[in-house]
Amino acid sequence: MEQDLLPNSISGHQNDDDDAPTLSLQALEALKEFLTEQSQSSNDTAAEADSAPALISEDWRMSQFWYDHHTAQTLAEEVLTLCKSDSTRVACVACPSLYAYLKSIDSHVSVQLLEYDRRFEQYGSDFTFYDYNQPEDLPLELKHGFDVVVADPPYLSQECLEKVAKTVSFLARSEKPYLLLLTGEVQKERAAELMGLLPCGFRPRHSSKLGNEFRLFTSYDPGTRLGGWDN
């Protein structure tokens, strides 16, 4: 009966003060299952922390929100899949956490980080200062020099996306570049109009819980990866 699931001291069956309270077999099995799940969850979290690269702390004043481990790992693996040769060049526009994951997985991949936050100057020649308000104020050697361009505009405004789109056009090589854009769901129509990008089924997440729904848009059909194009 229901009382059998309770310790004897609670169910009223303990008559000897020296007897230790006991749980029924069903309650013990339920407790064991719960503890196993908790232990697995803790192990998974620890494993993610061990495999994640060290990141500079977010600065919300610059609208910085890093991807969670699963998102960053998935994006990095996708970008590396697009790197068809050792000469493939990748540009990360305002997405420093992706840069860090790419380098942690493959230190030899050629990645340029374009970022406003000068703390990332620690990456040396891989860093280029970037202000989206001057979308094409960049070194000429970067013009049309990248096979893969990933952009994450810092703001969800039309103005910001329009300017970042100019930057992406400046950076991307002229023939069939791979373009990836991470931004809010609200930018879906603009992403299609400005850059010809379509949303994927994969939903990016951030370490800080944000209220806006984020999407990943691409210029190419990822097939079975990233949940495919979500038309």
Protein backbone atom coordinates (compact mmCIF):
# COMPACT_ATOMS: atom_id res chain seq x y z
CA MET A 1 0.00 0.00 0.00
CA GLU A 2 1.04 3.69 -0.03
CA GLN A 3 2.33 3.45 3.55
CA ASP A 4 4.81 0.80 2.49
CA LEU A 5 6.76 3.47 0.55
CA LEU A 6 7.43 5.45 3.72
CA PRO A 7 10.04 4.91 6.43
CA ASN A 8 8.59 2.92 9.32
CA SER A 9 9.06 5.89 11.62
CA ILE A 10 6.72 7.90 9.41
CA SER A 11 4.19 5.18 8.68
CA GLY A 12 3.80 4.41 12.35
CA HIS A 13 5.27 0.89 12.33
CA GLN A 14 8.45 1.59 14.32
CA ASN A 15 8.05 0.16 17.79
CA ASP A 16 11.65 -0.08 18.89
CA ASP A 17 13.68 3.11 19.33
CA ASP A 18 16.85 1.14 18.51
CA ASP A 19 15.60 0.11 15.06
CA ALA A 20 16.89 2.29 12.20
CA PRO A 21 14.28 3.64 9.78
CA THR A 22 14.10 1.58 6.57
CA LEU A 23 12.80 2.24 3.05
CA SER A 24 10.75 -0.18 1.02
CA LEU A 25 12.38 -1.94 -1.94
CA GLN A 26 10.47 0.29 -4.39
CA ALA A 27 11.55 3.46 -2.61
CA LEU A 28 15.17 2.30 -2.53
CA GLU A 29 15.10 1.59 -6.28
CA ALA A 30 13.60 5.02 -6.98
CA LEU A 31 16.24 6.69 -4.81
CA LYS A 32 19.02 4.75 -6.53
CA GLU A 33 17.74 5.79 -9.96
CA PHE A 34 17.55 9.44 -8.88
CA LEU A 35 21.10 9.43 -7.50
CA THR A 36 22.41 7.77 -10.68
CA GLU A 37 20.80 10.45 -12.84
CA GLN A 38 22.20 13.22 -10.65
CA SER A 39 25.67 11.71 -10.81
CA GLN A 40 25.50 11.38 -14.61
CA SER A 41 24.38 14.99 -14.94
CA SER A 42 27.28 16.16 -12.77
CA ASN A 43 29.74 14.06 -14.79
CA ASP A 44 28.41 15.48 -18.08
CA THR A 45 28.76 19.04 -16.79
CA ALA A 46 32.30 18.35 -15.59
CA ALA A 47 33.22 16.76 -18.93
CA GLU A 48 31.94 19.81 -20.82
CA ALA A 49 33.94 22.13 -18.57
CA ASP A 50 37.09 20.08 -19.14
CA SER A 51 36.71 20.10 -22.93
CA ALA A 52 35.71 23.76 -23.27
CA PRO A 53 38.40 26.35 -24.01
CA ALA A 54 39.03 29.16 -21.55
CA LEU A 55 36.94 32.21 -22.46
CA ILE A 56 37.23 35.86 -21.53
CA SER A 57 34.32 36.94 -19.35
CA GLU A 58 31.30 38.42 -21.11
CA ASP A 59 30.84 42.18 -21.06
CA TRP A 60 27.10 42.90 -21.34
CA ARG A 61 27.85 46.58 -22.05
CA MET A 62 29.14 45.44 -25.45
CA SER A 63 26.23 43.03 -25.90
CA GLN A 64 28.48 40.01 -25.38
CA PHE A 65 26.79 36.67 -24.76
CA TRP A 66 28.85 33.55 -25.35
CA TYR A 67 27.36 30.38 -26.83
CA ASP A 68 26.82 27.43 -24.55
CA HIS A 69 29.15 24.45 -24.95
CA HIS A 70 26.86 22.44 -27.24
CA THR A 71 26.22 25.37 -29.57
CA ALA A 72 29.87 26.42 -29.82
CA GLN A 73 31.00 22.82 -30.35
CA THR A 74 28.36 22.21 -33.04
CA LEU A 75 29.21 25.43 -34.89
CA ALA A 76 32.94 24.76 -34.74
CA GLU A 77 32.50 21.25 -36.11
CA GLU A 78 30.32 22.60 -38.93
CA VAL A 79 32.88 25.24 -39.88
CA LEU A 80 35.67 22.67 -39.87
CA THR A 81 33.55 20.45 -42.13
CA LEU A 82 33.42 23.36 -44.59
CA CYS A 83 37.21 23.69 -44.55
CA LYS A 84 37.95 21.66 -47.64
CA SER A 85 41.71 22.20 -47.62
CA ASP A 86 44.55 23.58 -45.53
CA SER A 87 44.28 26.85 -47.47
CA THR A 88 40.67 27.48 -46.39
CA ARG A 89 40.33 30.77 -44.50
CA VAL A 90 37.62 31.48 -41.93
CA ALA A 91 36.43 34.86 -40.68
CA CYS A 92 34.59 35.15 -37.35
CA VAL A 93 32.77 38.48 -37.19
CA ALA A 94 31.89 39.39 -33.59
CA CYS A 95 31.80 35.76 -32.40
CA PRO A 96 34.97 35.29 -30.31
CA SER A 97 33.72 32.21 -28.48
CA LEU A 98 33.47 30.39 -31.82
CA TYR A 99 37.03 31.44 -32.62
CA ALA A 100 38.20 29.95 -29.33
CA TYR A 101 36.43 26.65 -29.97
CA LEU A 102 37.76 26.40 -33.52
CA LYS A 103 41.32 26.88 -32.33
CA SER A 104 40.87 24.43 -29.46
CA ILE A 105 39.70 21.72 -31.87
CA ASP A 106 42.20 22.44 -34.66
CA SER A 107 45.01 24.82 -33.82
CA HIS A 108 46.14 24.88 -37.47
CA VAL A 109 42.89 26.21 -38.95
CA SER A 110 43.26 29.71 -40.42
CA VAL A 111 40.80 31.95 -38.54
CA GLN A 112 40.57 35.73 -38.37
CA LEU A 113 38.58 37.26 -35.53
CA LEU A 114 37.01 40.64 -36.23
CA GLU A 115 35.96 42.12 -32.89
CA TYR A 116 35.39 45.47 -31.18
CA ASP A 117 36.66 44.31 -27.78
CA ARG A 118 40.39 44.93 -27.67
CA ARG A 119 40.86 42.34 -24.94
CA PHE A 120 41.07 39.87 -27.83
CA GLU A 121 44.27 41.46 -29.07
CA GLN A 122 45.85 38.61 -27.10
CA TYR A 123 45.19 36.50 -30.21
CA GLY A 124 47.89 38.44 -32.02
CA SER A 125 47.71 38.57 -35.81
CA ASP A 126 44.45 36.58 -35.73
CA PHE A 127 42.73 39.67 -34.29
CA THR A 128 41.42 42.60 -36.33
CA PHE A 129 39.68 45.52 -34.64
CA TYR A 130 36.15 45.85 -36.00
CA ASP A 131 33.42 48.43 -35.47
CA TYR A 132 30.20 47.51 -37.25
CA ASN A 133 29.46 51.22 -37.67
CA GLN A 134 32.34 51.30 -40.17
CA PRO A 135 31.55 48.02 -41.95
CA GLU A 136 34.26 48.25 -44.61
CA ASP A 137 36.93 50.08 -42.62
CA LEU A 138 39.16 47.00 -42.67
CA PRO A 139 42.63 46.09 -43.97
CA LEU A 140 42.58 45.62 -47.74
CA GLU A 141 44.33 42.27 -47.43
CA LEU A 142 41.11 40.91 -45.89
CA LYS A 143 38.94 41.89 -48.85
CA HIS A 144 37.37 38.84 -50.54
CA GLY A 145 39.88 36.68 -48.72
CA PHE A 146 37.68 34.20 -46.87
CA ASP A 147 36.00 30.96 -47.88
CA VAL A 148 33.86 30.78 -44.73
CA VAL A 149 32.40 33.81 -42.97
CA VAL A 150 30.49 33.50 -39.69
CA ALA A 151 28.82 36.62 -38.32
CA ASP A 152 26.96 37.32 -35.09
CA PRO A 153 25.75 40.94 -35.11
CA PRO A 154 25.88 42.47 -31.62
CA TYR A 155 22.39 43.97 -31.90
CA LEU A 156 19.04 42.86 -33.33
CA SER A 157 18.33 46.07 -35.23
CA GLN A 158 17.88 46.40 -38.97
CA GLU A 159 20.67 48.98 -39.09
CA CYS A 160 23.14 46.62 -37.42
CA LEU A 161 22.31 43.72 -39.74
CA GLU A 162 22.58 45.92 -42.83
CA LYS A 163 26.06 47.08 -41.81
CA VAL A 164 27.25 43.60 -40.85
CA ALA A 165 25.96 42.34 -44.22
CA LYS A 166 28.30 44.86 -45.89
CA THR A 167 31.18 43.51 -43.83
CA VAL A 168 30.37 39.94 -44.81
CA SER A 169 30.26 40.96 -48.48
CA PHE A 170 33.63 42.68 -48.08
CA LEU A 171 35.24 39.59 -46.53
CA ALA A 172 33.72 36.75 -48.55
CA ARG A 173 35.42 35.46 -51.64
CA SER A 174 33.48 36.21 -54.81
CA GLU A 175 32.54 32.66 -55.83
CA LYS A 176 30.22 30.59 -53.65
CA PRO A 177 31.47 31.40 -50.16
CA TYR A 178 29.98 29.66 -47.14
CA LEU A 179 28.12 32.23 -45.06
CA LEU A 180 26.70 31.61 -41.58
CA LEU A 181 24.71 34.18 -39.62
CA LEU A 182 23.64 33.91 -35.99
CA THR A 183 20.97 36.35 -34.98
CA GLY A 184 17.43 36.63 -33.68
CA GLU A 185 14.39 34.99 -35.23
CA VAL A 186 13.07 38.52 -35.85
CA GLN A 187 15.75 38.99 -38.52
CA LYS A 188 14.57 36.06 -40.65
CA GLU A 189 13.13 38.10 -43.52
CA ARG A 190 16.00 40.59 -43.49
CA ALA A 191 18.59 37.81 -43.56
CA ALA A 192 16.93 36.47 -46.71
CA GLU A 193 16.59 39.88 -48.36
CA LEU A 194 20.04 41.24 -47.52
CA MET A 195 22.17 38.10 -47.74
CA GLY A 196 20.08 35.36 -49.33
CA LEU A 197 20.28 33.21 -46.19
CA LEU A 198 17.82 30.59 -44.97
CA PRO A 199 17.28 29.34 -41.39
CA CYS A 200 18.45 25.92 -40.19
CA GLY A 201 16.66 23.62 -37.78
CA PHE A 202 19.51 23.91 -35.28
CA ARG A 203 18.75 26.44 -32.54
CA PRO A 204 21.74 28.28 -31.02
CA ARG A 205 21.82 28.66 -27.24
CA HIS A 206 23.83 30.94 -24.98
CA SER A 207 25.37 30.39 -21.57
CA SER A 208 23.32 33.34 -20.34
CA LYS A 209 19.62 32.71 -20.81
CA LEU A 210 18.36 35.28 -23.32
CA GLY A 211 14.74 36.17 -23.91
CA ASN A 212 15.05 36.36 -27.72
CA GLU A 213 14.77 33.29 -29.92
CA PHE A 214 18.02 32.86 -31.87
CA ARG A 215 18.48 31.16 -35.21
CA LEU A 216 21.31 30.05 -37.47
CA PHE A 217 21.06 31.11 -41.13
CA THR A 218 23.27 29.77 -43.94
CA SER A 219 23.92 30.48 -47.62
CA TYR A 220 24.21 26.76 -48.39
CA ASP A 221 22.09 23.69 -47.79
CA PRO A 222 23.69 21.81 -44.87
CA GLY A 223 21.85 18.62 -45.79
CA THR A 224 21.45 16.40 -42.75
CA ARG A 225 23.70 18.62 -40.62
CA LEU A 226 22.37 21.42 -38.41
CA GLY A 227 18.85 20.08 -38.78
CA GLY A 228 18.87 21.00 -42.49
CA TRP A 229 17.23 24.09 -43.93
CA ASP A 230 14.06 24.89 -42.03
CA ASN A 231 11.81 26.35 -44.70
